[in-house]
Amino acid sequence: MALAQAHAWVFTIALIILALMAVLCLVRAVIGPTIADRLVAVNMMGTMVMVIISILAVRMNEGYLVDICLIYAMISFLSVVVLTKVYSGVYLERQDKKRKLEEAEKKEGEQDDANS
């Protein structure tokens, strides 16, 4: 009985630590200076939620929570892939626009030199 009670304390402490880390990741996702920081924070939050669900499944002795955890893992993976795809598309558009602007400035400079 003492061993089961000791495991309960370990699980409770792990849940509290994971909850605090999830809050810190949420802050990072909101404040994050770059999109990449936000993507990593969202991915970390998804992983921590899966661990929390797994710990709750063991602690509460409920098998259906493992199924929920697996479904959450699939949804989290797909969301990170989609967000990464969107971010890379936006990044490539910015790079293309920057390159076109530099080419236009270069042509204007050449035309000014030719006219002088």
N, C-alpha and C. Protein backbone atom coordinates (compact mmCIF):
# COMPACT_ATOMS: atom_id res chain seq x y z
N MET A 1 0.83 -1.20 0.00
CA MET A 1 0.00 0.00 0.00
C MET A 1 0.87 1.26 0.00
N ALA A 2 1.98 1.21 0.72
CA ALA A 2 2.85 2.38 0.81
C ALA A 2 3.48 2.67 -0.55
N LEU A 3 3.77 1.61 -1.31
CA LEU A 3 4.36 1.80 -2.63
C LEU A 3 3.37 2.47 -3.58
N ALA A 4 2.12 2.06 -3.54
CA ALA A 4 1.10 2.67 -4.38
C ALA A 4 0.90 4.13 -4.01
N GLN A 5 0.95 4.42 -2.73
CA GLN A 5 0.80 5.80 -2.28
C GLN A 5 2.01 6.64 -2.70
N ALA A 6 3.20 6.06 -2.68
CA ALA A 6 4.40 6.78 -3.12
C ALA A 6 4.32 7.07 -4.61
N HIS A 7 3.81 6.12 -5.39
CA HIS A 7 3.63 6.37 -6.82
C HIS A 7 2.62 7.48 -7.06
N ALA A 8 1.58 7.53 -6.25
CA ALA A 8 0.58 8.59 -6.40
C ALA A 8 1.21 9.96 -6.19
N TRP A 9 2.12 10.07 -5.20
CA TRP A 9 2.79 11.34 -4.95
C TRP A 9 3.71 11.70 -6.12
N VAL A 10 4.40 10.73 -6.66
CA VAL A 10 5.29 10.99 -7.80
C VAL A 10 4.48 11.46 -9.00
N PHE A 11 3.34 10.80 -9.25
CA PHE A 11 2.49 11.21 -10.37
C PHE A 11 1.94 12.61 -10.15
N THR A 12 1.54 12.92 -8.93
CA THR A 12 1.01 14.26 -8.64
C THR A 12 2.07 15.33 -8.85
N ILE A 13 3.27 15.07 -8.37
CA ILE A 13 4.36 16.03 -8.54
C ILE A 13 4.68 16.20 -10.02
N ALA A 14 4.71 15.09 -10.77
CA ALA A 14 4.98 15.17 -12.20
C ALA A 14 3.90 15.97 -12.92
N LEU A 15 2.64 15.78 -12.53
CA LEU A 15 1.55 16.54 -13.16
C LEU A 15 1.67 18.04 -12.87
N ILE A 16 2.04 18.38 -11.65
CA ILE A 16 2.20 19.80 -11.31
C ILE A 16 3.34 20.42 -12.11
N ILE A 17 4.46 19.71 -12.19
CA ILE A 17 5.61 20.24 -12.95
C ILE A 17 5.25 20.39 -14.42
N LEU A 18 4.57 19.39 -14.99
CA LEU A 18 4.18 19.46 -16.39
C LEU A 18 3.19 20.60 -16.64
N ALA A 19 2.29 20.83 -15.69
CA ALA A 19 1.34 21.94 -15.84
C ALA A 19 2.06 23.28 -15.84
N LEU A 20 3.05 23.44 -14.96
CA LEU A 20 3.83 24.68 -14.93
C LEU A 20 4.61 24.86 -16.23
N MET A 21 5.19 23.77 -16.72
CA MET A 21 5.94 23.86 -17.98
C MET A 21 5.02 24.18 -19.15
N ALA A 22 3.80 23.67 -19.14
CA ALA A 22 2.85 23.97 -20.21
C ALA A 22 2.47 25.44 -20.19
N VAL A 23 2.32 26.00 -19.00
CA VAL A 23 2.02 27.44 -18.90
C VAL A 23 3.19 28.26 -19.44
N LEU A 24 4.41 27.85 -19.11
CA LEU A 24 5.58 28.57 -19.63
C LEU A 24 5.66 28.46 -21.15
N CYS A 25 5.32 27.31 -21.69
CA CYS A 25 5.31 27.16 -23.16
C CYS A 25 4.22 28.02 -23.79
N LEU A 26 3.10 28.14 -23.10
CA LEU A 26 2.03 29.01 -23.61
C LEU A 26 2.50 30.46 -23.65
N VAL A 27 3.22 30.88 -22.62
CA VAL A 27 3.77 32.24 -22.62
C VAL A 27 4.75 32.40 -23.77
N ARG A 28 5.58 31.39 -24.00
CA ARG A 28 6.55 31.46 -25.10
C ARG A 28 5.84 31.50 -26.45
N ALA A 29 4.74 30.77 -26.56
CA ALA A 29 3.99 30.75 -27.82
C ALA A 29 3.36 32.11 -28.10
N VAL A 30 2.97 32.81 -27.07
CA VAL A 30 2.35 34.13 -27.25
C VAL A 30 3.40 35.20 -27.48
N ILE A 31 4.48 35.19 -26.70
CA ILE A 31 5.48 36.23 -26.76
C ILE A 31 6.53 35.98 -27.83
N GLY A 32 6.83 34.72 -28.09
CA GLY A 32 7.92 34.30 -28.97
C GLY A 32 8.30 35.30 -30.05
N PRO A 33 9.56 35.67 -30.13
CA PRO A 33 9.94 36.70 -31.09
C PRO A 33 9.83 36.25 -32.55
N THR A 34 9.95 34.96 -32.81
CA THR A 34 9.85 34.50 -34.19
C THR A 34 8.76 33.43 -34.31
N ILE A 35 8.37 33.17 -35.53
CA ILE A 35 7.36 32.15 -35.79
C ILE A 35 7.90 30.77 -35.41
N ALA A 36 9.17 30.55 -35.65
CA ALA A 36 9.77 29.25 -35.31
C ALA A 36 9.69 28.98 -33.81
N ASP A 37 9.93 30.00 -32.99
CA ASP A 37 9.79 29.83 -31.54
C ASP A 37 8.37 29.45 -31.17
N ARG A 38 7.42 30.06 -31.81
CA ARG A 38 6.01 29.75 -31.53
C ARG A 38 5.65 28.33 -31.94
N LEU A 39 6.17 27.89 -33.09
CA LEU A 39 5.91 26.52 -33.54
C LEU A 39 6.49 25.50 -32.57
N VAL A 40 7.70 25.74 -32.12
CA VAL A 40 8.33 24.82 -31.18
C VAL A 40 7.56 24.80 -29.87
N ALA A 41 7.11 25.95 -29.41
CA ALA A 41 6.34 26.02 -28.16
C ALA A 41 5.02 25.27 -28.29
N VAL A 42 4.34 25.41 -29.41
CA VAL A 42 3.08 24.70 -29.61
C VAL A 42 3.33 23.20 -29.66
N ASN A 43 4.40 22.78 -30.31
CA ASN A 43 4.73 21.36 -30.38
C ASN A 43 5.06 20.82 -28.98
N MET A 44 5.81 21.58 -28.20
CA MET A 44 6.14 21.16 -26.84
C MET A 44 4.89 21.06 -25.97
N MET A 45 3.97 22.00 -26.14
CA MET A 45 2.73 21.93 -25.36
C MET A 45 1.94 20.67 -25.72
N GLY A 46 1.89 20.35 -27.00
CA GLY A 46 1.19 19.14 -27.42
C GLY A 46 1.81 17.89 -26.81
N THR A 47 3.13 17.83 -26.78
CA THR A 47 3.81 16.68 -26.19
C THR A 47 3.55 16.60 -24.70
N MET A 48 3.58 17.74 -24.01
CA MET A 48 3.33 17.72 -22.57
C MET A 48 1.90 17.32 -22.25
N VAL A 49 0.95 17.74 -23.07
CA VAL A 49 -0.43 17.34 -22.85
C VAL A 49 -0.58 15.83 -23.02
N MET A 50 0.13 15.27 -23.99
CA MET A 50 0.08 13.81 -24.16
C MET A 50 0.66 13.09 -22.94
N VAL A 51 1.74 13.60 -22.39
CA VAL A 51 2.33 12.99 -21.19
C VAL A 51 1.37 13.13 -20.01
N ILE A 52 0.73 14.28 -19.88
CA ILE A 52 -0.23 14.49 -18.79
C ILE A 52 -1.39 13.50 -18.91
N ILE A 53 -1.91 13.32 -20.12
CA ILE A 53 -3.00 12.37 -20.32
C ILE A 53 -2.54 10.95 -19.99
N SER A 54 -1.32 10.61 -20.37
CA SER A 54 -0.80 9.27 -20.07
C SER A 54 -0.65 9.04 -18.57
N ILE A 55 -0.15 10.04 -17.87
CA ILE A 55 0.00 9.92 -16.42
C ILE A 55 -1.37 9.79 -15.77
N LEU A 56 -2.33 10.56 -16.23
CA LEU A 56 -3.68 10.44 -15.68
C LEU A 56 -4.29 9.07 -15.96
N ALA A 57 -3.98 8.50 -17.12
CA ALA A 57 -4.48 7.15 -17.45
C ALA A 57 -3.94 6.12 -16.47
N VAL A 58 -2.65 6.24 -16.13
CA VAL A 58 -2.05 5.29 -15.18
C VAL A 58 -2.58 5.54 -13.78
N ARG A 59 -2.66 6.80 -13.39
CA ARG A 59 -3.08 7.13 -12.02
C ARG A 59 -4.53 6.79 -11.77
N MET A 60 -5.39 7.05 -12.75
CA MET A 60 -6.82 6.79 -12.57
C MET A 60 -7.20 5.36 -12.98
N ASN A 61 -6.23 4.63 -13.57
CA ASN A 61 -6.45 3.26 -14.02
C ASN A 61 -7.60 3.19 -15.04
N GLU A 62 -7.56 4.11 -15.99
CA GLU A 62 -8.57 4.19 -17.05
C GLU A 62 -7.90 3.98 -18.39
N GLY A 63 -8.27 2.92 -19.09
CA GLY A 63 -7.64 2.58 -20.35
C GLY A 63 -8.05 3.47 -21.51
N TYR A 64 -9.26 4.03 -21.46
CA TYR A 64 -9.73 4.85 -22.57
C TYR A 64 -8.93 6.13 -22.73
N LEU A 65 -8.26 6.57 -21.68
CA LEU A 65 -7.44 7.78 -21.78
C LEU A 65 -6.24 7.58 -22.70
N VAL A 66 -5.76 6.35 -22.80
CA VAL A 66 -4.66 6.06 -23.71
C VAL A 66 -5.12 6.25 -25.15
N ASP A 67 -6.35 5.83 -25.45
CA ASP A 67 -6.90 6.05 -26.80
C ASP A 67 -7.01 7.55 -27.10
N ILE A 68 -7.46 8.30 -26.13
CA ILE A 68 -7.56 9.74 -26.30
C ILE A 68 -6.17 10.34 -26.53
N CYS A 69 -5.19 9.83 -25.81
CA CYS A 69 -3.81 10.32 -25.97
C CYS A 69 -3.30 10.04 -27.39
N LEU A 70 -3.58 8.87 -27.92
CA LEU A 70 -3.14 8.53 -29.28
C LEU A 70 -3.82 9.43 -30.32
N ILE A 71 -5.10 9.68 -30.14
CA ILE A 71 -5.81 10.57 -31.06
C ILE A 71 -5.24 11.98 -30.96
N TYR A 72 -4.97 12.43 -29.76
CA TYR A 72 -4.38 13.76 -29.56
C TYR A 72 -3.01 13.84 -30.21
N ALA A 73 -2.23 12.76 -30.14
CA ALA A 73 -0.90 12.75 -30.76
C ALA A 73 -1.01 12.92 -32.27
N MET A 74 -1.97 12.23 -32.88
CA MET A 74 -2.15 12.37 -34.33
C MET A 74 -2.57 13.79 -34.70
N ILE A 75 -3.50 14.35 -33.96
CA ILE A 75 -3.97 15.71 -34.25
C ILE A 75 -2.84 16.72 -34.02
N SER A 76 -2.07 16.54 -32.97
CA SER A 76 -0.95 17.45 -32.69
C SER A 76 0.09 17.38 -33.79
N PHE A 77 0.41 16.18 -34.25
CA PHE A 77 1.38 16.03 -35.32
C PHE A 77 0.90 16.72 -36.59
N LEU A 78 -0.36 16.50 -36.95
CA LEU A 78 -0.89 17.12 -38.16
C LEU A 78 -0.92 18.64 -38.05
N SER A 79 -1.27 19.15 -36.88
CA SER A 79 -1.32 20.61 -36.73
C SER A 79 0.06 21.23 -36.86
N VAL A 80 1.08 20.60 -36.31
CA VAL A 80 2.44 21.14 -36.43
C VAL A 80 2.91 21.07 -37.88
N VAL A 81 2.58 19.99 -38.58
CA VAL A 81 2.96 19.89 -39.99
C VAL A 81 2.29 20.99 -40.81
N VAL A 82 1.00 21.21 -40.57
CA VAL A 82 0.28 22.25 -41.32
C VAL A 82 0.83 23.63 -40.99
N LEU A 83 1.07 23.91 -39.72
CA LEU A 83 1.62 25.22 -39.34
C LEU A 83 3.00 25.43 -39.94
N THR A 84 3.81 24.40 -39.97
CA THR A 84 5.13 24.51 -40.57
C THR A 84 5.03 24.77 -42.07
N LYS A 85 4.10 24.09 -42.73
CA LYS A 85 3.89 24.30 -44.17
C LYS A 85 3.45 25.75 -44.44
N VAL A 86 2.53 26.26 -43.64
CA VAL A 86 2.07 27.64 -43.81
C VAL A 86 3.23 28.60 -43.57
N TYR A 87 4.01 28.37 -42.52
CA TYR A 87 5.13 29.25 -42.21
C TYR A 87 6.16 29.24 -43.32
N SER A 88 6.47 28.07 -43.85
CA SER A 88 7.46 28.00 -44.92
C SER A 88 6.95 28.69 -46.18
N GLY A 89 5.64 28.59 -46.46
CA GLY A 89 5.07 29.30 -47.60
C GLY A 89 5.17 30.80 -47.45
N VAL A 90 4.88 31.30 -46.26
CA VAL A 90 4.98 32.74 -46.00
C VAL A 90 6.43 33.18 -46.12
N TYR A 91 7.36 32.39 -45.60
CA TYR A 91 8.79 32.72 -45.67
C TYR A 91 9.26 32.78 -47.13
N LEU A 92 8.86 31.81 -47.94
CA LEU A 92 9.27 31.80 -49.34
C LEU A 92 8.68 32.99 -50.11
N GLU A 93 7.44 33.35 -49.78
CA GLU A 93 6.83 34.53 -50.43
C GLU A 93 7.60 35.79 -50.08
N ARG A 94 7.98 35.94 -48.82
CA ARG A 94 8.75 37.12 -48.42
C ARG A 94 10.10 37.17 -49.13
N GLN A 95 10.76 36.03 -49.23
CA GLN A 95 12.05 35.99 -49.91
C GLN A 95 11.91 36.33 -51.38
N ASP A 96 10.85 35.83 -52.03
CA ASP A 96 10.63 36.11 -53.44
C ASP A 96 10.33 37.60 -53.66
N LYS A 97 9.52 38.16 -52.77
CA LYS A 97 9.19 39.59 -52.88
C LYS A 97 10.44 40.44 -52.67
N LYS A 98 11.27 40.05 -51.72
CA LYS A 98 12.51 40.78 -51.45
C LYS A 98 13.46 40.71 -52.66
N ARG A 99 13.57 39.53 -53.26
CA ARG A 99 14.43 39.35 -54.43
C ARG A 99 13.94 40.19 -55.60
N LYS A 100 12.62 40.21 -55.84
CA LYS A 100 12.06 41.01 -56.93
C LYS A 100 12.29 42.49 -56.70
N LEU A 101 12.15 42.94 -55.47
CA LEU A 101 12.39 44.35 -55.14
C LEU A 101 13.85 44.72 -55.38
N GLU A 102 14.77 43.84 -55.00
CA GLU A 102 16.19 44.11 -55.23
C GLU A 102 16.51 44.15 -56.73
N GLU A 103 15.89 43.26 -57.51
CA GLU A 103 16.11 43.26 -58.95
C GLU A 103 15.57 44.55 -59.58
N ALA A 104 14.39 45.00 -59.12
CA ALA A 104 13.81 46.24 -59.65
C ALA A 104 14.71 47.43 -59.31
N GLU A 105 15.26 47.48 -58.10
CA GLU A 105 16.15 48.57 -57.71
C GLU A 105 17.43 48.53 -58.54
N LYS A 106 17.92 47.34 -58.83
CA LYS A 106 19.14 47.19 -59.63
C LYS A 106 18.91 47.68 -61.06
N LYS A 107 17.74 47.34 -61.64
CA LYS A 107 17.41 47.80 -62.99
C LYS A 107 17.29 49.31 -63.04
N GLU A 108 16.65 49.89 -62.01
CA GLU A 108 16.51 51.35 -61.97
C GLU A 108 17.89 52.01 -61.89
N GLY A 109 18.78 51.41 -61.09
CA GLY A 109 20.12 51.96 -60.97
C GLY A 109 20.88 51.87 -62.30
N GLU A 110 20.70 50.79 -63.04
CA GLU A 110 21.34 50.65 -64.34
C GLU A 110 20.79 51.63 -65.34
N GLN A 111 19.48 51.87 -65.28
CA GLN A 111 18.86 52.83 -66.20
C GLN A 111 19.33 54.25 -65.89
N ASP A 112 19.46 54.56 -64.61
CA ASP A 112 19.97 55.89 -64.24
C ASP A 112 21.41 56.08 -64.73
N ASP A 113 22.23 55.05 -64.62
CA ASP A 113 23.61 55.13 -65.09
C ASP A 113 23.66 55.29 -66.62
N ALA A 114 22.76 54.61 -67.32
CA ALA A 114 22.74 54.69 -68.78
C ALA A 114 22.26 56.08 -69.24
N ASN A 115 21.35 56.67 -68.51
CA ASN A 115 20.81 57.99 -68.87
C ASN A 115 21.81 59.10 -68.56
N SER A 116 22.72 58.88 -67.66
CA SER A 116 23.67 59.94 -67.26
C SER A 116 24.75 60.15 -68.23
